[in-house]
Amino acid sequence: MGDFTYTMLKTAAGENEMGGGIMQKASPDMPTQWLSYVLVEDVDASQSKAKELGGQVIVEKTPVENMGTFGVVTDPTGAAIGLWQPAKKD
């Protein structure tokens, strides 16, 4: 996560199951905020569907090493939600 500390919260299901995360604000003037994530099978397809339905992609598909992939979209009213696609297990 660059120069930021990102604390991963695990679920009881196992070490590779992400339950959440906490990150410092990128700058002091940023508002404090929460962002909920939903589990998706395909971040690319979900972002395409959001755009098709009038939403916007705020954060393009981004890999998280050894964990999965995420992205952020908004609905047509501007409400944001994160998308999480876990990495395939071997």
PDB file of N, CA and C in Angstrom:
ATOM      1  N   MET A   1       0.826  -1.193   0.000  1.00  0.00           N
ATOM      2  CA  MET A   1       0.000   0.000   0.000  1.00  0.00           C
ATOM      3  C   MET A   1       0.867   1.253   0.000  1.00  0.00           C
ATOM      4  N   GLY A   2       1.985   1.194  -0.636  1.00  0.00           N
ATOM      5  CA  GLY A   2       2.856   2.360  -0.711  1.00  0.00           C
ATOM      6  C   GLY A   2       3.428   2.716   0.652  1.00  0.00           C
ATOM      7  N   ASP A   3       3.379   4.003   1.024  1.00  0.00           N
ATOM      8  CA  ASP A   3       3.917   4.462   2.298  1.00  0.00           C
ATOM      9  C   ASP A   3       2.896   4.390   3.431  1.00  0.00           C
ATOM     10  N   PHE A   4       1.743   3.778   3.191  1.00  0.00           N
ATOM     11  CA  PHE A   4       0.686   3.735   4.183  1.00  0.00           C
ATOM     12  C   PHE A   4       0.657   2.388   4.891  1.00  0.00           C
ATOM     13  N   THR A   5       0.231   2.419   6.141  1.00  0.00           N
ATOM     14  CA  THR A   5       0.012   1.186   6.881  1.00  0.00           C
ATOM     15  C   THR A   5      -1.398   0.711   6.586  1.00  0.00           C
ATOM     16  N   TYR A   6      -1.546  -0.540   6.202  1.00  0.00           N
ATOM     17  CA  TYR A   6      -2.855  -1.130   5.930  1.00  0.00           C
ATOM     18  C   TYR A   6      -2.967  -2.374   6.789  1.00  0.00           C
ATOM     19  N   THR A   7      -3.905  -2.383   7.699  1.00  0.00           N
ATOM     20  CA  THR A   7      -4.102  -3.505   8.603  1.00  0.00           C
ATOM     21  C   THR A   7      -5.204  -4.403   8.053  1.00  0.00           C
ATOM     22  N   MET A   8      -4.868  -5.664   7.798  1.00  0.00           N
ATOM     23  CA  MET A   8      -5.830  -6.626   7.267  1.00  0.00           C
ATOM     24  C   MET A   8      -6.541  -7.327   8.419  1.00  0.00           C
ATOM     25  N   LEU A   9      -7.842  -7.459   8.303  1.00  0.00           N
ATOM     26  CA  LEU A   9      -8.645  -8.189   9.279  1.00  0.00           C
ATOM     27  C   LEU A   9      -9.046  -9.510   8.647  1.00  0.00           C
ATOM     28  N   LYS A  10      -8.732 -10.594   9.304  1.00  0.00           N
ATOM     29  CA  LYS A  10      -9.034 -11.930   8.780  1.00  0.00           C
ATOM     30  C   LYS A  10     -10.358 -12.431   9.350  1.00  0.00           C
ATOM     31  N   THR A  11     -10.974 -13.373   8.668  1.00  0.00           N
ATOM     32  CA  THR A  11     -12.183 -14.015   9.176  1.00  0.00           C
ATOM     33  C   THR A  11     -11.785 -15.296   9.902  1.00  0.00           C
ATOM     34  N   ALA A  12     -12.733 -15.893  10.560  1.00  0.00           N
ATOM     35  CA  ALA A  12     -12.480 -17.167  11.245  1.00  0.00           C
ATOM     36  C   ALA A  12     -12.306 -18.299  10.240  1.00  0.00           C
ATOM     37  N   ALA A  13     -12.656 -18.055   8.973  1.00  0.00           N
ATOM     38  CA  ALA A  13     -12.593 -19.094   7.945  1.00  0.00           C
ATOM     39  C   ALA A  13     -11.161 -19.472   7.562  1.00  0.00           C
ATOM     40  N   GLY A  14     -10.222 -18.601   7.796  1.00  0.00           N
ATOM     41  CA  GLY A  14      -8.851 -18.957   7.449  1.00  0.00           C
ATOM     42  C   GLY A  14      -7.967 -17.769   7.175  1.00  0.00           C
ATOM     43  N   GLU A  15      -6.688 -18.031   7.100  1.00  0.00           N
ATOM     44  CA  GLU A  15      -5.670 -17.003   6.923  1.00  0.00           C
ATOM     45  C   GLU A  15      -5.847 -16.210   5.636  1.00  0.00           C
ATOM     46  N   ASN A  16      -6.331 -16.852   4.573  1.00  0.00           N
ATOM     47  CA  ASN A  16      -6.455 -16.170   3.282  1.00  0.00           C
ATOM     48  C   ASN A  16      -7.824 -15.552   3.056  1.00  0.00           C
ATOM     49  N   GLU A  17      -8.674 -15.579   4.054  1.00  0.00           N
ATOM     50  CA  GLU A  17     -10.008 -14.999   3.934  1.00  0.00           C
ATOM     51  C   GLU A  17      -9.997 -13.590   4.515  1.00  0.00           C
ATOM     52  N   MET A  18     -10.154 -12.577   3.645  1.00  0.00           N
ATOM     53  CA  MET A  18     -10.114 -11.196   4.101  1.00  0.00           C
ATOM     54  C   MET A  18     -11.471 -10.785   4.657  1.00  0.00           C
ATOM     55  N   GLY A  19     -11.472 -10.239   5.867  1.00  0.00           N
ATOM     56  CA  GLY A  19     -12.703  -9.782   6.487  1.00  0.00           C
ATOM     57  C   GLY A  19     -12.825  -8.271   6.486  1.00  0.00           C
ATOM     58  N   GLY A  20     -11.731  -7.575   6.220  1.00  0.00           N
ATOM     59  CA  GLY A  20     -11.758  -6.125   6.193  1.00  0.00           C
ATOM     60  C   GLY A  20     -10.361  -5.564   6.296  1.00  0.00           C
ATOM     61  N   GLY A  21     -10.286  -4.253   6.310  1.00  0.00           N
ATOM     62  CA  GLY A  21      -8.993  -3.598   6.422  1.00  0.00           C
ATOM     63  C   GLY A  21      -9.146  -2.178   6.921  1.00  0.00           C
ATOM     64  N   ILE A  22      -8.082  -1.672   7.486  1.00  0.00           N
ATOM     65  CA  ILE A  22      -8.064  -0.307   8.014  1.00  0.00           C
ATOM     66  C   ILE A  22      -6.804   0.371   7.485  1.00  0.00           C
ATOM     67  N   MET A  23      -6.982   1.594   6.966  1.00  0.00           N
ATOM     68  CA  MET A  23      -5.862   2.324   6.381  1.00  0.00           C
ATOM     69  C   MET A  23      -5.870   3.763   6.877  1.00  0.00           C
ATOM     70  N   GLN A  24      -4.691   4.332   7.031  1.00  0.00           N
ATOM     71  CA  GLN A  24      -4.577   5.744   7.375  1.00  0.00           C
ATOM     72  C   GLN A  24      -5.088   6.584   6.216  1.00  0.00           C
ATOM     73  N   LYS A  25      -5.551   7.797   6.530  1.00  0.00           N
ATOM     74  CA  LYS A  25      -5.949   8.719   5.477  1.00  0.00           C
ATOM     75  C   LYS A  25      -4.713   9.082   4.646  1.00  0.00           C
ATOM     76  N   ALA A  26      -4.896   9.237   3.353  1.00  0.00           N
ATOM     77  CA  ALA A  26      -3.787   9.565   2.462  1.00  0.00           C
ATOM     78  C   ALA A  26      -3.264  10.977   2.707  1.00  0.00           C
ATOM     79  N   SER A  27      -4.129  11.868   3.177  1.00  0.00           N
ATOM     80  CA  SER A  27      -3.704  13.225   3.515  1.00  0.00           C
ATOM     81  C   SER A  27      -4.608  13.757   4.630  1.00  0.00           C
ATOM     82  N   PRO A  28      -4.109  14.682   5.438  1.00  0.00           N
ATOM     83  CA  PRO A  28      -4.887  15.189   6.578  1.00  0.00           C
ATOM     84  C   PRO A  28      -6.209  15.841   6.183  1.00  0.00           C
ATOM     85  N   ASP A  29      -6.296  16.386   4.971  1.00  0.00           N
ATOM     86  CA  ASP A  29      -7.528  17.068   4.569  1.00  0.00           C
ATOM     87  C   ASP A  29      -8.594  16.122   4.008  1.00  0.00           C
ATOM     88  N   MET A  30      -8.280  14.844   3.896  1.00  0.00           N
ATOM     89  CA  MET A  30      -9.280  13.869   3.458  1.00  0.00           C
ATOM     90  C   MET A  30     -10.285  13.628   4.572  1.00  0.00           C
ATOM     91  N   PRO A  31     -11.565  13.455   4.225  1.00  0.00           N
ATOM     92  CA  PRO A  31     -12.529  13.135   5.278  1.00  0.00           C
ATOM     93  C   PRO A  31     -12.344  11.691   5.755  1.00  0.00           C
ATOM     94  N   THR A  32     -12.692  11.443   7.002  1.00  0.00           N
ATOM     95  CA  THR A  32     -12.719  10.081   7.514  1.00  0.00           C
ATOM     96  C   THR A  32     -13.907   9.385   6.870  1.00  0.00           C
ATOM     97  N   GLN A  33     -13.711   8.139   6.449  1.00  0.00           N
ATOM     98  CA  GLN A  33     -14.814   7.461   5.755  1.00  0.00           C
ATOM     99  C   GLN A  33     -14.710   5.955   5.905  1.00  0.00           C
ATOM    100  N   TRP A  34     -15.822   5.283   5.637  1.00  0.00           N
ATOM    101  CA  TRP A  34     -15.903   3.833   5.589  1.00  0.00           C
ATOM    102  C   TRP A  34     -16.243   3.454   4.156  1.00  0.00           C
ATOM    103  N   LEU A  35     -15.749   2.330   3.689  1.00  0.00           N
ATOM    104  CA  LEU A  35     -16.122   1.825   2.372  1.00  0.00           C
ATOM    105  C   LEU A  35     -16.408   0.337   2.513  1.00  0.00           C
ATOM    106  N   SER A  36     -17.643  -0.027   2.245  1.00  0.00           N
ATOM    107  CA  SER A  36     -18.023  -1.445   2.276  1.00  0.00           C
ATOM    108  C   SER A  36     -17.611  -2.101   0.970  1.00  0.00           C
ATOM    109  N   TYR A  37     -17.240  -3.370   1.053  1.00  0.00           N
ATOM    110  CA  TYR A  37     -16.871  -4.156  -0.118  1.00  0.00           C
ATOM    111  C   TYR A  37     -17.837  -5.321  -0.261  1.00  0.00           C
ATOM    112  N   VAL A  38     -18.100  -5.707  -1.500  1.00  0.00           N
ATOM    113  CA  VAL A  38     -18.888  -6.900  -1.789  1.00  0.00           C
ATOM    114  C   VAL A  38     -18.007  -7.887  -2.537  1.00  0.00           C
ATOM    115  N   LEU A  39     -18.236  -9.151  -2.287  1.00  0.00           N
ATOM    116  CA  LEU A  39     -17.500 -10.222  -2.947  1.00  0.00           C
ATOM    117  C   LEU A  39     -18.059 -10.406  -4.354  1.00  0.00           C
ATOM    118  N   VAL A  40     -17.186 -10.392  -5.364  1.00  0.00           N
ATOM    119  CA  VAL A  40     -17.609 -10.600  -6.746  1.00  0.00           C
ATOM    120  C   VAL A  40     -16.760 -11.694  -7.381  1.00  0.00           C
ATOM    121  N   GLU A  41     -17.298 -12.309  -8.412  1.00  0.00           N
ATOM    122  CA  GLU A  41     -16.537 -13.335  -9.130  1.00  0.00           C
ATOM    123  C   GLU A  41     -15.532 -12.729 -10.090  1.00  0.00           C
ATOM    124  N   ASP A  42     -15.829 -11.514 -10.596  1.00  0.00           N
ATOM    125  CA  ASP A  42     -14.984 -10.909 -11.623  1.00  0.00           C
ATOM    126  C   ASP A  42     -15.075  -9.385 -11.508  1.00  0.00           C
ATOM    127  N   VAL A  43     -14.021  -8.745 -11.046  1.00  0.00           N
ATOM    128  CA  VAL A  43     -14.015  -7.287 -10.888  1.00  0.00           C
ATOM    129  C   VAL A  43     -14.239  -6.601 -12.233  1.00  0.00           C
ATOM    130  N   ASP A  44     -13.580  -7.075 -13.296  1.00  0.00           N
ATOM    131  CA  ASP A  44     -13.752  -6.460 -14.623  1.00  0.00           C
ATOM    132  C   ASP A  44     -15.218  -6.470 -15.053  1.00  0.00           C
ATOM    133  N   ALA A  45     -15.851  -7.630 -14.952  1.00  0.00           N
ATOM    134  CA  ALA A  45     -17.258  -7.764 -15.366  1.00  0.00           C
ATOM    135  C   ALA A  45     -18.162  -6.896 -14.495  1.00  0.00           C
ATOM    136  N   SER A  46     -17.880  -6.843 -13.203  1.00  0.00           N
ATOM    137  CA  SER A  46     -18.704  -6.039 -12.293  1.00  0.00           C
ATOM    138  C   SER A  46     -18.549  -4.549 -12.577  1.00  0.00           C
ATOM    139  N   GLN A  47     -17.330  -4.102 -12.888  1.00  0.00           N
ATOM    140  CA  GLN A  47     -17.136  -2.698 -13.220  1.00  0.00           C
ATOM    141  C   GLN A  47     -17.810  -2.354 -14.552  1.00  0.00           C
ATOM    142  N   SER A  48     -17.748  -3.258 -15.504  1.00  0.00           N
ATOM    143  CA  SER A  48     -18.422  -3.039 -16.788  1.00  0.00           C
ATOM    144  C   SER A  48     -19.931  -2.928 -16.591  1.00  0.00           C
ATOM    145  N   LYS A  49     -20.495  -3.785 -15.757  1.00  0.00           N
ATOM    146  CA  LYS A  49     -21.937  -3.762 -15.484  1.00  0.00           C
ATOM    147  C   LYS A  49     -22.327  -2.470 -14.783  1.00  0.00           C
ATOM    148  N   ALA A  50     -21.504  -2.013 -13.847  1.00  0.00           N
ATOM    149  CA  ALA A  50     -21.791  -0.747 -13.162  1.00  0.00           C
ATOM    150  C   ALA A  50     -21.858   0.402 -14.167  1.00  0.00           C
ATOM    151  N   LYS A  51     -20.892   0.457 -15.097  1.00  0.00           N
ATOM    152  CA  LYS A  51     -20.895   1.514 -16.118  1.00  0.00           C
ATOM    153  C   LYS A  51     -22.125   1.395 -17.011  1.00  0.00           C
ATOM    154  N   GLU A  52     -22.465   0.174 -17.392  1.00  0.00           N
ATOM    155  CA  GLU A  52     -23.635  -0.069 -18.242  1.00  0.00           C
ATOM    156  C   GLU A  52     -24.921   0.440 -17.582  1.00  0.00           C
ATOM    157  N   LEU A  53     -24.986   0.353 -16.254  1.00  0.00           N
ATOM    158  CA  LEU A  53     -26.180   0.756 -15.514  1.00  0.00           C
ATOM    159  C   LEU A  53     -26.140   2.212 -15.047  1.00  0.00           C
ATOM    160  N   GLY A  54     -25.147   2.988 -15.516  1.00  0.00           N
ATOM    161  CA  GLY A  54     -25.098   4.413 -15.212  1.00  0.00           C
ATOM    162  C   GLY A  54     -24.156   4.798 -14.087  1.00  0.00           C
ATOM    163  N   GLY A  55     -23.407   3.842 -13.558  1.00  0.00           N
ATOM    164  CA  GLY A  55     -22.431   4.134 -12.511  1.00  0.00           C
ATOM    165  C   GLY A  55     -21.093   4.529 -13.106  1.00  0.00           C
ATOM    166  N   GLN A  56     -20.126   4.742 -12.244  1.00  0.00           N
ATOM    167  CA  GLN A  56     -18.785   5.102 -12.679  1.00  0.00           C
ATOM    168  C   GLN A  56     -17.755   4.239 -11.962  1.00  0.00           C
ATOM    169  N   VAL A  57     -16.642   4.029 -12.622  1.00  0.00           N
ATOM    170  CA  VAL A  57     -15.514   3.337 -11.996  1.00  0.00           C
ATOM    171  C   VAL A  57     -14.637   4.410 -11.355  1.00  0.00           C
ATOM    172  N   ILE A  58     -14.436   4.292 -10.053  1.00  0.00           N
ATOM    173  CA  ILE A  58     -13.636   5.265  -9.308  1.00  0.00           C
ATOM    174  C   ILE A  58     -12.200   4.772  -9.151  1.00  0.00           C
ATOM    175  N   VAL A  59     -12.043   3.479  -8.864  1.00  0.00           N
ATOM    176  CA  VAL A  59     -10.721   2.849  -8.779  1.00  0.00           C
ATOM    177  C   VAL A  59     -10.746   1.649  -9.713  1.00  0.00           C
ATOM    178  N   GLU A  60      -9.912   1.687 -10.735  1.00  0.00           N
ATOM    179  CA  GLU A  60      -9.826   0.568 -11.674  1.00  0.00           C
ATOM    180  C   GLU A  60      -9.356  -0.693 -10.949  1.00  0.00           C
ATOM    181  N   LYS A  61      -9.580  -1.823 -11.570  1.00  0.00           N
ATOM    182  CA  LYS A  61      -9.151  -3.114 -11.039  1.00  0.00           C
ATOM    183  C   LYS A  61      -7.695  -3.015 -10.585  1.00  0.00           C
ATOM    184  N   THR A  62      -7.456  -3.387  -9.320  1.00  0.00           N
ATOM    185  CA  THR A  62      -6.128  -3.270  -8.721  1.00  0.00           C
ATOM    186  C   THR A  62      -5.776  -4.570  -8.011  1.00  0.00           C
ATOM    187  N   PRO A  63      -4.674  -5.207  -8.372  1.00  0.00           N
ATOM    188  CA  PRO A  63      -4.284  -6.438  -7.678  1.00  0.00           C
ATOM    189  C   PRO A  63      -3.686  -6.148  -6.299  1.00  0.00           C
ATOM    190  N   VAL A  64      -3.954  -7.058  -5.362  1.00  0.00           N
ATOM    191  CA  VAL A  64      -3.356  -7.029  -4.031  1.00  0.00           C
ATOM    192  C   VAL A  64      -2.579  -8.338  -3.917  1.00  0.00           C
ATOM    193  N   GLU A  65      -1.273  -8.222  -3.887  1.00  0.00           N
ATOM    194  CA  GLU A  65      -0.394  -9.393  -3.959  1.00  0.00           C
ATOM    195  C   GLU A  65      -0.804 -10.508  -2.999  1.00  0.00           C
ATOM    196  N   ASN A  66      -0.944 -11.701  -3.547  1.00  0.00           N
ATOM    197  CA  ASN A  66      -1.279 -12.923  -2.808  1.00  0.00           C
ATOM    198  C   ASN A  66      -2.649 -12.912  -2.143  1.00  0.00           C
ATOM    199  N   MET A  67      -3.469 -11.897  -2.403  1.00  0.00           N
ATOM    200  CA  MET A  67      -4.779 -11.811  -1.745  1.00  0.00           C
ATOM    201  C   MET A  67      -5.940 -11.818  -2.740  1.00  0.00           C
ATOM    202  N   GLY A  68      -5.857 -10.994  -3.768  1.00  0.00           N
ATOM    203  CA  GLY A  68      -6.957 -10.891  -4.720  1.00  0.00           C
ATOM    204  C   GLY A  68      -6.891  -9.594  -5.497  1.00  0.00           C
ATOM    205  N   THR A  69      -8.058  -9.115  -5.908  1.00  0.00           N
ATOM    206  CA  THR A  69      -8.164  -7.918  -6.734  1.00  0.00           C
ATOM    207  C   THR A  69      -9.340  -7.086  -6.227  1.00  0.00           C
ATOM    208  N   PHE A  70      -9.183  -5.759  -6.265  1.00  0.00           N
ATOM    209  CA  PHE A  70     -10.302  -4.909  -5.865  1.00  0.00           C
ATOM    210  C   PHE A  70     -10.506  -3.788  -6.857  1.00  0.00           C
ATOM    211  N   GLY A  71     -11.634  -3.140  -6.760  1.00  0.00           N
ATOM    212  CA  GLY A  71     -11.969  -1.953  -7.528  1.00  0.00           C
ATOM    213  C   GLY A  71     -13.056  -1.224  -6.760  1.00  0.00           C
ATOM    214  N   VAL A  72     -13.340   0.016  -7.158  1.00  0.00           N
ATOM    215  CA  VAL A  72     -14.392   0.796  -6.513  1.00  0.00           C
ATOM    216  C   VAL A  72     -15.264   1.398  -7.602  1.00  0.00           C
ATOM    217  N   VAL A  73     -16.571   1.312  -7.403  1.00  0.00           N
ATOM    218  CA  VAL A  73     -17.536   1.888  -8.337  1.00  0.00           C
ATOM    219  C   VAL A  73     -18.525   2.749  -7.562  1.00  0.00           C
ATOM    220  N   THR A  74     -19.222   3.622  -8.302  1.00  0.00           N
ATOM    221  CA  THR A  74     -20.344   4.353  -7.720  1.00  0.00           C
ATOM    222  C   THR A  74     -21.593   4.005  -8.500  1.00  0.00           C
ATOM    223  N   ASP A  75     -22.737   4.130  -7.841  1.00  0.00           N
ATOM    224  CA  ASP A  75     -24.011   3.975  -8.540  1.00  0.00           C
ATOM    225  C   ASP A  75     -24.360   5.317  -9.182  1.00  0.00           C
ATOM    226  N   PRO A  76     -25.464   5.405  -9.926  1.00  0.00           N
ATOM    227  CA  PRO A  76     -25.793   6.667 -10.604  1.00  0.00           C
ATOM    228  C   PRO A  76     -25.989   7.860  -9.658  1.00  0.00           C
ATOM    229  N   THR A  77     -26.252   7.614  -8.370  1.00  0.00           N
ATOM    230  CA  THR A  77     -26.424   8.721  -7.425  1.00  0.00           C
ATOM    231  C   THR A  77     -25.114   9.156  -6.785  1.00  0.00           C
ATOM    232  N   GLY A  78     -24.021   8.409  -7.039  1.00  0.00           N
ATOM    233  CA  GLY A  78     -22.717   8.757  -6.497  1.00  0.00           C
ATOM    234  C   GLY A  78     -22.314   7.949  -5.273  1.00  0.00           C
ATOM    235  N   ALA A  79     -23.165   7.032  -4.805  1.00  0.00           N
ATOM    236  CA  ALA A  79     -22.812   6.192  -3.655  1.00  0.00           C
ATOM    237  C   ALA A  79     -21.751   5.179  -4.080  1.00  0.00           C
ATOM    238  N   ALA A  80     -20.685   5.064  -3.286  1.00  0.00           N
ATOM    239  CA  ALA A  80     -19.552   4.198  -3.638  1.00  0.00           C
ATOM    240  C   ALA A  80     -19.628   2.858  -2.926  1.00  0.00           C
ATOM    241  N   ILE A  81     -19.103   1.833  -3.596  1.00  0.00           N
ATOM    242  CA  ILE A  81     -18.952   0.509  -2.994  1.00  0.00           C
ATOM    243  C   ILE A  81     -17.711  -0.133  -3.591  1.00  0.00           C
ATOM    244  N   GLY A  82     -17.006  -0.892  -2.758  1.00  0.00           N
ATOM    245  CA  GLY A  82     -15.821  -1.599  -3.216  1.00  0.00           C
ATOM    246  C   GLY A  82     -16.188  -2.985  -3.727  1.00  0.00           C
ATOM    247  N   LEU A  83     -15.411  -3.476  -4.645  1.00  0.00           N
ATOM    248  CA  LEU A  83     -15.577  -4.819  -5.205  1.00  0.00           C
ATOM    249  C   LEU A  83     -14.342  -5.623  -4.839  1.00  0.00           C
ATOM    250  N   TRP A  84     -14.525  -6.844  -4.355  1.00  0.00           N
ATOM    251  CA  TRP A  84     -13.402  -7.685  -3.953  1.00  0.00           C
ATOM    252  C   TRP A  84     -13.509  -9.045  -4.623  1.00  0.00           C
ATOM    253  N   GLN A  85     -12.450  -9.435  -5.317  1.00  0.00           N
ATOM    254  CA  GLN A  85     -12.338 -10.739  -5.963  1.00  0.00           C
ATOM    255  C   GLN A  85     -11.137 -11.454  -5.346  1.00  0.00           C
ATOM    256  N   PRO A  86     -11.382 -12.466  -4.512  1.00  0.00           N
ATOM    257  CA  PRO A  86     -10.244 -13.158  -3.896  1.00  0.00           C
ATOM    258  C   PRO A  86      -9.403 -13.893  -4.922  1.00  0.00           C
ATOM    259  N   ALA A  87      -8.122 -14.050  -4.632  1.00  0.00           N
ATOM    260  CA  ALA A  87      -7.244 -14.799  -5.510  1.00  0.00           C
ATOM    261  C   ALA A  87      -7.692 -16.254  -5.519  1.00  0.00           C
ATOM    262  N   LYS A  88      -7.500 -16.905  -6.647  1.00  0.00           N
ATOM    263  CA  LYS A  88      -7.828 -18.328  -6.740  1.00  0.00           C
ATOM    264  C   LYS A  88      -6.857 -19.117  -5.881  1.00  0.00           C
ATOM    265  N   LYS A  89      -7.400 -20.073  -5.139  1.00  0.00           N
ATOM    266  CA  LYS A  89      -6.571 -20.917  -4.282  1.00  0.00           C
ATOM    267  C   LYS A  89      -5.995 -22.058  -5.095  1.00  0.00           C
ATOM    268  N   ASP A  90      -4.752 -22.408  -4.809  1.00  0.00           N
ATOM    269  CA  ASP A  90      -4.098 -23.506  -5.528  1.00  0.00           C
ATOM    270  C   ASP A  90      -4.593 -24.842  -5.053  1.00  0.00           C
TER     271      ASP A  90
END
